Amino acid sequence: MPKKEEEKVTLNPTEHIYVPKHEIVSGEEKEKIIRKYNASLEQFPQILASDPVVREIGAKPGDMIKITRKSQTAGESMYYRFVVVG
């Protein structure tokens, strides 16, 4: 009897309870953030373009990602990451 082909399960990482909200920052907002922190893009923490969440939201190398995390002490905190090849 031939084996039944297994169905491929695809998971959306952005729907997982432990994955904070990720969004691509617009070009205008990116410039404001760079000026606010007086830094170049290369000075921001990096996130790989191959990261499952980055791929899911469609970010490309050179984009900036805003990550909004919930915190028991601060309420919400925002982090910025620079997308790099990887």
C-alpha atoms as a PDB file:
ATOM      1  CA  MET A   1       0.000   0.000   0.000  1.00  0.00           C
ATOM      2  CA  PRO A   2       1.582   3.375  -0.997  1.00  0.00           C
ATOM      3  CA  LYS A   3       2.344   5.900   1.741  1.00  0.00           C
ATOM      4  CA  LYS A   4       0.074   8.907   1.944  1.00  0.00           C
ATOM      5  CA  GLU A   5       1.924  12.168   1.319  1.00  0.00           C
ATOM      6  CA  GLU A   6       2.256  14.211   4.483  1.00  0.00           C
ATOM      7  CA  GLU A   7       0.712  17.657   4.414  1.00  0.00           C
ATOM      8  CA  LYS A   8       3.135  20.487   4.855  1.00  0.00           C
ATOM      9  CA  VAL A   9       2.284  22.656   7.843  1.00  0.00           C
ATOM     10  CA  THR A  10       3.093  26.340   7.549  1.00  0.00           C
ATOM     11  CA  LEU A  11       3.183  28.479  10.621  1.00  0.00           C
ATOM     12  CA  ASN A  12       2.917  32.236  10.709  1.00  0.00           C
ATOM     13  CA  PRO A  13       5.491  33.357  13.309  1.00  0.00           C
ATOM     14  CA  THR A  14       3.765  36.726  13.778  1.00  0.00           C
ATOM     15  CA  GLU A  15       0.756  34.944  15.294  1.00  0.00           C
ATOM     16  CA  HIS A  16       2.760  33.220  18.043  1.00  0.00           C
ATOM     17  CA  ILE A  17       2.087  34.532  21.571  1.00  0.00           C
ATOM     18  CA  TYR A  18       5.782  35.005  22.349  1.00  0.00           C
ATOM     19  CA  VAL A  19       6.653  36.950  19.182  1.00  0.00           C
ATOM     20  CA  PRO A  20       6.354  40.719  19.697  1.00  0.00           C
ATOM     21  CA  LYS A  21       4.884  42.994  17.049  1.00  0.00           C
ATOM     22  CA  HIS A  22       7.317  43.660  14.168  1.00  0.00           C
ATOM     23  CA  GLU A  23       6.714  46.358  11.568  1.00  0.00           C
ATOM     24  CA  ILE A  24       8.704  47.988   8.803  1.00  0.00           C
ATOM     25  CA  VAL A  25       9.536  51.623   9.494  1.00  0.00           C
ATOM     26  CA  SER A  26       8.786  54.095   6.694  1.00  0.00           C
ATOM     27  CA  GLY A  27      11.667  56.005   5.105  1.00  0.00           C
ATOM     28  CA  GLU A  28      10.602  59.265   6.757  1.00  0.00           C
ATOM     29  CA  GLU A  29      10.265  57.683  10.200  1.00  0.00           C
ATOM     30  CA  LYS A  30      13.626  55.915   9.716  1.00  0.00           C
ATOM     31  CA  GLU A  31      15.336  59.286   9.157  1.00  0.00           C
ATOM     32  CA  LYS A  32      13.676  60.717  12.303  1.00  0.00           C
ATOM     33  CA  ILE A  33      14.869  57.745  14.391  1.00  0.00           C
ATOM     34  CA  ILE A  34      18.422  58.042  13.046  1.00  0.00           C
ATOM     35  CA  ARG A  35      18.460  61.756  13.931  1.00  0.00           C
ATOM     36  CA  LYS A  36      16.856  61.135  17.337  1.00  0.00           C
ATOM     37  CA  TYR A  37      19.571  58.668  18.343  1.00  0.00           C
ATOM     38  CA  ASN A  38      22.326  60.508  16.428  1.00  0.00           C
ATOM     39  CA  ALA A  39      23.447  57.207  14.917  1.00  0.00           C
ATOM     40  CA  SER A  40      23.997  55.606  11.531  1.00  0.00           C
ATOM     41  CA  LEU A  41      22.025  52.565  10.412  1.00  0.00           C
ATOM     42  CA  GLU A  42      25.054  50.345  10.965  1.00  0.00           C
ATOM     43  CA  GLN A  43      25.080  51.328  14.665  1.00  0.00           C
ATOM     44  CA  PHE A  44      21.627  49.853  15.276  1.00  0.00           C
ATOM     45  CA  PRO A  45      21.323  46.197  16.291  1.00  0.00           C
ATOM     46  CA  GLN A  46      20.947  43.955  13.269  1.00  0.00           C
ATOM     47  CA  ILE A  47      18.348  41.377  12.319  1.00  0.00           C
ATOM     48  CA  LEU A  48      18.881  38.910   9.486  1.00  0.00           C
ATOM     49  CA  ALA A  49      16.734  39.078   6.343  1.00  0.00           C
ATOM     50  CA  SER A  50      16.379  35.292   6.729  1.00  0.00           C
ATOM     51  CA  ASP A  51      14.667  35.677  10.128  1.00  0.00           C
ATOM     52  CA  PRO A  52      11.195  34.070   9.851  1.00  0.00           C
ATOM     53  CA  VAL A  53       9.361  37.180  11.086  1.00  0.00           C
ATOM     54  CA  VAL A  54      11.342  39.486   8.783  1.00  0.00           C
ATOM     55  CA  ARG A  55      10.479  37.253   5.819  1.00  0.00           C
ATOM     56  CA  GLU A  56       6.820  37.128   6.872  1.00  0.00           C
ATOM     57  CA  ILE A  57       6.449  40.927   6.985  1.00  0.00           C
ATOM     58  CA  GLY A  58       8.366  41.354   3.722  1.00  0.00           C
ATOM     59  CA  ALA A  59      11.322  43.401   4.991  1.00  0.00           C
ATOM     60  CA  LYS A  60      14.435  43.652   2.828  1.00  0.00           C
ATOM     61  CA  PRO A  61      18.098  44.403   3.643  1.00  0.00           C
ATOM     62  CA  GLY A  62      18.412  48.103   4.368  1.00  0.00           C
ATOM     63  CA  ASP A  63      14.983  48.344   6.004  1.00  0.00           C
ATOM     64  CA  MET A  64      14.522  49.259   9.638  1.00  0.00           C
ATOM     65  CA  ILE A  65      12.191  47.175  11.802  1.00  0.00           C
ATOM     66  CA  LYS A  66      10.358  48.492  14.860  1.00  0.00           C
ATOM     67  CA  ILE A  67       9.715  45.817  17.476  1.00  0.00           C
ATOM     68  CA  THR A  68       7.102  46.652  20.110  1.00  0.00           C
ATOM     69  CA  ARG A  69       7.337  44.524  23.234  1.00  0.00           C
ATOM     70  CA  LYS A  70       4.936  44.434  26.147  1.00  0.00           C
ATOM     71  CA  SER A  71       6.589  44.942  29.521  1.00  0.00           C
ATOM     72  CA  GLN A  72       5.168  44.533  33.014  1.00  0.00           C
ATOM     73  CA  THR A  73       7.216  47.472  34.262  1.00  0.00           C
ATOM     74  CA  ALA A  74       7.328  49.836  31.270  1.00  0.00           C
ATOM     75  CA  GLY A  75       4.018  48.988  29.610  1.00  0.00           C
ATOM     76  CA  GLU A  76       5.417  48.968  26.084  1.00  0.00           C
ATOM     77  CA  SER A  77       8.963  49.336  24.873  1.00  0.00           C
ATOM     78  CA  MET A  78      10.168  49.821  21.307  1.00  0.00           C
ATOM     79  CA  TYR A  79      13.339  48.459  19.786  1.00  0.00           C
ATOM     80  CA  TYR A  80      14.756  49.138  16.346  1.00  0.00           C
ATOM     81  CA  ARG A  81      16.695  46.682  14.204  1.00  0.00           C
ATOM     82  CA  PHE A  82      18.497  47.154  10.878  1.00  0.00           C
ATOM     83  CA  VAL A  83      17.815  44.352   8.364  1.00  0.00           C
ATOM     84  CA  VAL A  84      20.997  42.816   6.905  1.00  0.00           C
ATOM     85  CA  VAL A  85      21.647  40.038   4.378  1.00  0.00           C
ATOM     86  CA  GLY A  86      21.650  36.622   5.901  1.00  0.00           C
END
